[in-house]
Structures are given as C-alpha cells and as structure tokens.
Amino acid sequence: MNQTELEALRQVAGRASSLLGSLANPDRLMILCTLVQGECNVGELAQRSGISQPTLSQQLTVLRREELIASRKEGKYVYYRLENPAVLAVMQTLYGIFCAPGGIDDRN
C-alpha cells in the first residue's frame, strides 16, 4: 500500500471511528433503531423508545450536530429521519441482527 492509499484509509478509518463513537450511547442507538422503521416526531420517538423528553431532546441535538439524522418541521411538529446513507446501512444491519423478530441475535 502506498502513502496516498494509506492516508486515504486513515481518513476513512477516522470517519468510521467517529460514527461508531456516536453509536456507543444507548439512548442514541435506541433513537436510531427507532428511526430505521421510518420518520417520527418527538412524541412518537419518546413513546417508541421509552426515552424521557429531556434526554431525547439532548440526544437528538447530538445526532443532528453529527449529521446522522435530519429534521423537518410540519406545523407544530418536528419530524426526524435517518439522512446519512452510511448511518442507514449500519443501522439496518444492527436492527436486523439485534432488534428485528427472528434476527440473528433473537434470544427469545
């Protein structure tokens, strides 16, 4: 591997590490797992994830800042969705393994 390829790989590894760091928080992971199923407003996210409103707002701010999710406002509601294709691919994989009924890690 030449120096240019090595530097490119290092940059990709840095982005992957940053993404994995963002996923390392259980509340953020719950939010992203919920959003794999589709766009939700804050109330729906709170109900589906079981995360309290203050914690949810804090973690949504982090996820938006990290550009893992996007939001849109419709009337008085703000809707959130997975926006980044890499995040969507990772979360679909994690959802299939850990969350979906009959997934690889289905221990029930």
N, C-alpha and C. Protein backbone atom coordinates (compact mmCIF):
# COMPACT_ATOMS: atom_id res chain seq x y z
N MET A 1 0.85 -1.17 0.00
CA MET A 1 0.00 0.00 0.00
C MET A 1 0.90 1.24 0.00
N ASN A 2 0.64 2.16 -0.93
CA ASN A 2 1.48 3.35 -0.99
C ASN A 2 0.99 4.40 0.01
N GLN A 3 1.74 5.48 0.13
CA GLN A 3 1.46 6.52 1.13
C GLN A 3 0.09 7.18 0.90
N THR A 4 -0.27 7.41 -0.35
CA THR A 4 -1.56 8.04 -0.67
C THR A 4 -2.71 7.14 -0.25
N GLU A 5 -2.60 5.85 -0.56
CA GLU A 5 -3.64 4.90 -0.18
C GLU A 5 -3.73 4.78 1.34
N LEU A 6 -2.61 4.79 1.99
CA LEU A 6 -2.58 4.70 3.45
C LEU A 6 -3.26 5.90 4.09
N GLU A 7 -2.98 7.09 3.56
CA GLU A 7 -3.60 8.31 4.09
C GLU A 7 -5.11 8.30 3.85
N ALA A 8 -5.54 7.84 2.68
CA ALA A 8 -6.97 7.74 2.39
C ALA A 8 -7.65 6.75 3.35
N LEU A 9 -7.00 5.63 3.59
CA LEU A 9 -7.53 4.64 4.52
C LEU A 9 -7.62 5.20 5.94
N ARG A 10 -6.63 5.98 6.34
CA ARG A 10 -6.63 6.60 7.67
C ARG A 10 -7.82 7.57 7.81
N GLN A 11 -8.10 8.32 6.76
CA GLN A 11 -9.24 9.25 6.79
C GLN A 11 -10.56 8.50 6.91
N VAL A 12 -10.70 7.42 6.15
CA VAL A 12 -11.91 6.60 6.22
C VAL A 12 -12.05 5.98 7.60
N ALA A 13 -10.96 5.50 8.15
CA ALA A 13 -10.98 4.91 9.49
C ALA A 13 -11.40 5.95 10.53
N GLY A 14 -10.96 7.18 10.36
CA GLY A 14 -11.36 8.24 11.27
C GLY A 14 -12.85 8.51 11.21
N ARG A 15 -13.42 8.54 10.00
CA ARG A 15 -14.87 8.75 9.86
C ARG A 15 -15.64 7.58 10.45
N ALA A 16 -15.18 6.36 10.20
CA ALA A 16 -15.85 5.18 10.76
C ALA A 16 -15.79 5.19 12.28
N SER A 17 -14.65 5.55 12.83
CA SER A 17 -14.49 5.63 14.28
C SER A 17 -15.42 6.67 14.88
N SER A 18 -15.56 7.80 14.22
CA SER A 18 -16.47 8.84 14.68
C SER A 18 -17.91 8.35 14.69
N LEU A 19 -18.32 7.66 13.63
CA LEU A 19 -19.67 7.11 13.56
C LEU A 19 -19.90 6.10 14.67
N LEU A 20 -18.96 5.19 14.86
CA LEU A 20 -19.11 4.18 15.91
C LEU A 20 -19.15 4.82 17.29
N GLY A 21 -18.39 5.89 17.50
CA GLY A 21 -18.44 6.61 18.77
C GLY A 21 -19.82 7.20 19.01
N SER A 22 -20.43 7.73 17.96
CA SER A 22 -21.78 8.28 18.09
C SER A 22 -22.79 7.20 18.43
N LEU A 23 -22.57 5.99 17.94
CA LEU A 23 -23.49 4.88 18.19
C LEU A 23 -23.28 4.25 19.56
N ALA A 24 -22.21 4.61 20.24
CA ALA A 24 -21.85 3.96 21.51
C ALA A 24 -22.75 4.37 22.67
N ASN A 25 -23.58 5.38 22.51
CA ASN A 25 -24.50 5.80 23.56
C ASN A 25 -25.82 5.03 23.41
N PRO A 26 -26.29 4.33 24.46
CA PRO A 26 -27.51 3.53 24.34
C PRO A 26 -28.74 4.34 23.92
N ASP A 27 -28.89 5.56 24.42
CA ASP A 27 -30.05 6.37 24.03
C ASP A 27 -30.00 6.75 22.56
N ARG A 28 -28.83 7.14 22.09
CA ARG A 28 -28.69 7.49 20.67
C ARG A 28 -28.94 6.26 19.79
N LEU A 29 -28.46 5.13 20.24
CA LEU A 29 -28.67 3.89 19.49
C LEU A 29 -30.16 3.54 19.43
N MET A 30 -30.87 3.73 20.56
CA MET A 30 -32.32 3.49 20.58
C MET A 30 -33.05 4.42 19.61
N ILE A 31 -32.66 5.68 19.59
CA ILE A 31 -33.28 6.64 18.68
C ILE A 31 -33.06 6.21 17.24
N LEU A 32 -31.83 5.88 16.91
CA LEU A 32 -31.51 5.48 15.54
C LEU A 32 -32.21 4.19 15.15
N CYS A 33 -32.30 3.23 16.07
CA CYS A 33 -33.03 1.98 15.80
C CYS A 33 -34.50 2.27 15.53
N THR A 34 -35.06 3.20 16.27
CA THR A 34 -36.45 3.59 16.06
C THR A 34 -36.62 4.23 14.69
N LEU A 35 -35.68 5.08 14.31
CA LEU A 35 -35.78 5.79 13.03
C LEU A 35 -35.52 4.88 11.83
N VAL A 36 -34.93 3.71 12.04
CA VAL A 36 -34.78 2.75 10.95
C VAL A 36 -36.16 2.37 10.41
N GLN A 37 -37.15 2.37 11.30
CA GLN A 37 -38.51 1.99 10.93
C GLN A 37 -39.25 3.11 10.21
N GLY A 38 -38.68 4.32 10.20
CA GLY A 38 -39.30 5.43 9.49
C GLY A 38 -39.26 6.72 10.28
N GLU A 39 -39.65 7.78 9.62
CA GLU A 39 -39.65 9.12 10.20
C GLU A 39 -40.61 9.21 11.38
N CYS A 40 -40.22 9.94 12.42
CA CYS A 40 -41.03 10.11 13.64
C CYS A 40 -40.90 11.53 14.15
N ASN A 41 -41.96 11.98 14.84
CA ASN A 41 -41.83 13.24 15.57
C ASN A 41 -41.35 12.93 16.98
N VAL A 42 -41.08 13.97 17.77
CA VAL A 42 -40.50 13.78 19.10
C VAL A 42 -41.41 12.94 19.99
N GLY A 43 -42.71 13.21 19.96
CA GLY A 43 -43.64 12.43 20.78
C GLY A 43 -43.63 10.96 20.43
N GLU A 44 -43.62 10.66 19.14
CA GLU A 44 -43.57 9.27 18.69
C GLU A 44 -42.25 8.62 19.10
N LEU A 45 -41.16 9.35 18.95
CA LEU A 45 -39.86 8.81 19.36
C LEU A 45 -39.83 8.51 20.85
N ALA A 46 -40.37 9.41 21.66
CA ALA A 46 -40.40 9.20 23.11
C ALA A 46 -41.22 7.96 23.45
N GLN A 47 -42.37 7.82 22.82
CA GLN A 47 -43.24 6.67 23.09
C GLN A 47 -42.60 5.36 22.64
N ARG A 48 -42.06 5.34 21.45
CA ARG A 48 -41.49 4.10 20.90
C ARG A 48 -40.18 3.70 21.55
N SER A 49 -39.39 4.68 21.98
CA SER A 49 -38.07 4.37 22.53
C SER A 49 -38.06 4.28 24.05
N GLY A 50 -39.07 4.89 24.71
CA GLY A 50 -39.09 4.91 26.17
C GLY A 50 -38.11 5.89 26.77
N ILE A 51 -37.57 6.79 25.98
CA ILE A 51 -36.61 7.78 26.45
C ILE A 51 -37.36 9.03 26.89
N SER A 52 -37.00 9.57 28.05
CA SER A 52 -37.67 10.78 28.55
C SER A 52 -37.43 11.95 27.60
N GLN A 53 -38.38 12.88 27.61
CA GLN A 53 -38.32 14.02 26.69
C GLN A 53 -37.02 14.83 26.82
N PRO A 54 -36.56 15.18 28.03
CA PRO A 54 -35.32 15.96 28.12
C PRO A 54 -34.10 15.21 27.55
N THR A 55 -33.99 13.93 27.87
CA THR A 55 -32.88 13.13 27.35
C THR A 55 -32.99 12.99 25.84
N LEU A 56 -34.19 12.78 25.37
CA LEU A 56 -34.43 12.65 23.93
C LEU A 56 -33.99 13.91 23.19
N SER A 57 -34.39 15.06 23.70
CA SER A 57 -34.02 16.33 23.06
C SER A 57 -32.50 16.51 23.03
N GLN A 58 -31.86 16.17 24.13
CA GLN A 58 -30.40 16.29 24.21
C GLN A 58 -29.72 15.40 23.17
N GLN A 59 -30.17 14.16 23.08
CA GLN A 59 -29.54 13.21 22.16
C GLN A 59 -29.86 13.53 20.70
N LEU A 60 -31.06 14.05 20.44
CA LEU A 60 -31.41 14.46 19.08
C LEU A 60 -30.50 15.60 18.62
N THR A 61 -30.18 16.50 19.55
CA THR A 61 -29.26 17.59 19.24
C THR A 61 -27.89 17.05 18.83
N VAL A 62 -27.40 16.06 19.57
CA VAL A 62 -26.11 15.45 19.25
C VAL A 62 -26.17 14.78 17.88
N LEU A 63 -27.22 14.02 17.62
CA LEU A 63 -27.35 13.30 16.36
C LEU A 63 -27.46 14.26 15.17
N ARG A 64 -28.16 15.37 15.35
CA ARG A 64 -28.24 16.39 14.29
C ARG A 64 -26.89 17.04 14.05
N ARG A 65 -26.20 17.39 15.14
CA ARG A 65 -24.88 18.01 15.03
C ARG A 65 -23.89 17.09 14.31
N GLU A 66 -23.99 15.80 14.59
CA GLU A 66 -23.11 14.81 13.95
C GLU A 66 -23.57 14.47 12.53
N GLU A 67 -24.69 15.05 12.10
CA GLU A 67 -25.28 14.83 10.78
C GLU A 67 -25.67 13.38 10.54
N LEU A 68 -26.12 12.71 11.61
CA LEU A 68 -26.60 11.34 11.49
C LEU A 68 -28.09 11.31 11.18
N ILE A 69 -28.79 12.37 11.58
CA ILE A 69 -30.22 12.48 11.31
C ILE A 69 -30.51 13.86 10.72
N ALA A 70 -31.68 13.97 10.11
CA ALA A 70 -32.16 15.25 9.59
C ALA A 70 -33.54 15.48 10.17
N SER A 71 -33.97 16.73 10.14
CA SER A 71 -35.29 17.06 10.66
C SER A 71 -36.02 17.96 9.68
N ARG A 72 -37.33 17.95 9.81
CA ARG A 72 -38.17 18.86 9.04
C ARG A 72 -39.33 19.26 9.93
N LYS A 73 -39.80 20.46 9.75
CA LYS A 73 -40.91 20.96 10.57
C LYS A 73 -42.17 20.95 9.73
N GLU A 74 -43.24 20.43 10.33
CA GLU A 74 -44.55 20.41 9.69
C GLU A 74 -45.55 20.89 10.73
N GLY A 75 -46.04 22.11 10.56
CA GLY A 75 -46.92 22.69 11.56
C GLY A 75 -46.16 22.86 12.86
N LYS A 76 -46.74 22.32 13.93
CA LYS A 76 -46.07 22.44 15.23
C LYS A 76 -45.16 21.26 15.55
N TYR A 77 -45.06 20.31 14.64
CA TYR A 77 -44.26 19.11 14.88
C TYR A 77 -42.94 19.14 14.11
N VAL A 78 -41.91 18.58 14.73
CA VAL A 78 -40.62 18.39 14.07
C VAL A 78 -40.46 16.89 13.86
N TYR A 79 -40.21 16.49 12.63
CA TYR A 79 -40.03 15.09 12.29
C TYR A 79 -38.56 14.80 12.03
N TYR A 80 -38.12 13.63 12.49
CA TYR A 80 -36.72 13.23 12.36
C TYR A 80 -36.64 11.98 11.49
N ARG A 81 -35.53 11.88 10.76
CA ARG A 81 -35.31 10.71 9.91
C ARG A 81 -33.80 10.47 9.78
N LEU A 82 -33.46 9.24 9.44
CA LEU A 82 -32.07 8.92 9.12
C LEU A 82 -31.77 9.55 7.76
N GLU A 83 -30.71 10.30 7.67
CA GLU A 83 -30.39 11.02 6.45
C GLU A 83 -29.13 10.49 5.78
N ASN A 84 -28.14 10.15 6.56
CA ASN A 84 -26.84 9.74 6.07
C ASN A 84 -26.93 8.29 5.57
N PRO A 85 -26.62 8.01 4.29
CA PRO A 85 -26.71 6.65 3.77
C PRO A 85 -25.85 5.64 4.52
N ALA A 86 -24.68 6.06 4.99
CA ALA A 86 -23.82 5.14 5.75
C ALA A 86 -24.47 4.78 7.07
N VAL A 87 -25.07 5.76 7.73
CA VAL A 87 -25.76 5.50 9.00
C VAL A 87 -26.94 4.58 8.77
N LEU A 88 -27.69 4.83 7.72
CA LEU A 88 -28.84 3.98 7.41
C LEU A 88 -28.40 2.54 7.19
N ALA A 89 -27.33 2.33 6.44
CA ALA A 89 -26.84 0.97 6.18
C ALA A 89 -26.40 0.28 7.47
N VAL A 90 -25.65 0.99 8.31
CA VAL A 90 -25.19 0.42 9.58
C VAL A 90 -26.39 0.10 10.47
N MET A 91 -27.33 1.03 10.57
CA MET A 91 -28.47 0.83 11.46
C MET A 91 -29.39 -0.28 10.96
N GLN A 92 -29.57 -0.40 9.66
CA GLN A 92 -30.38 -1.50 9.13
C GLN A 92 -29.73 -2.84 9.47
N THR A 93 -28.42 -2.90 9.38
CA THR A 93 -27.71 -4.12 9.75
C THR A 93 -27.87 -4.42 11.23
N LEU A 94 -27.64 -3.43 12.08
CA LEU A 94 -27.79 -3.62 13.53
C LEU A 94 -29.23 -3.97 13.88
N TYR A 95 -30.18 -3.31 13.25
CA TYR A 95 -31.59 -3.60 13.51
C TYR A 95 -31.91 -5.05 13.14
N GLY A 96 -31.43 -5.49 11.99
CA GLY A 96 -31.67 -6.87 11.57
C GLY A 96 -31.05 -7.90 12.50
N ILE A 97 -29.91 -7.58 13.08
CA ILE A 97 -29.24 -8.51 13.99
C ILE A 97 -29.87 -8.50 15.37
N PHE A 98 -30.10 -7.32 15.92
CA PHE A 98 -30.47 -7.21 17.32
C PHE A 98 -31.93 -6.89 17.60
N CYS A 99 -32.63 -6.24 16.69
CA CYS A 99 -33.96 -5.73 17.02
C CYS A 99 -35.10 -6.47 16.33
N ALA A 100 -34.91 -6.87 15.10
CA ALA A 100 -35.99 -7.47 14.34
C ALA A 100 -36.33 -8.86 14.89
N PRO A 101 -37.64 -9.17 14.95
CA PRO A 101 -38.02 -10.53 15.37
C PRO A 101 -37.38 -11.56 14.44
N GLY A 102 -36.79 -12.57 15.03
CA GLY A 102 -36.13 -13.59 14.24
C GLY A 102 -34.75 -13.19 13.75
N GLY A 103 -34.24 -12.06 14.26
CA GLY A 103 -32.90 -11.61 13.87
C GLY A 103 -31.84 -12.57 14.37
N ILE A 104 -30.63 -12.39 13.93
CA ILE A 104 -29.52 -13.27 14.29
C ILE A 104 -29.36 -13.38 15.80
N ASP A 105 -29.56 -12.26 16.51
CA ASP A 105 -29.37 -12.25 17.97
C ASP A 105 -30.69 -12.38 18.72
N ASP A 106 -31.71 -13.00 18.11
CA ASP A 106 -33.01 -13.17 18.76
C ASP A 106 -32.89 -14.26 19.81
N ARG A 107 -32.85 -13.84 21.06
CA ARG A 107 -32.62 -14.80 22.16
C ARG A 107 -33.91 -15.21 22.86
N ASN A 108 -35.04 -14.91 22.27
CA ASN A 108 -36.33 -15.26 22.91
C ASN A 108 -36.77 -16.63 22.52
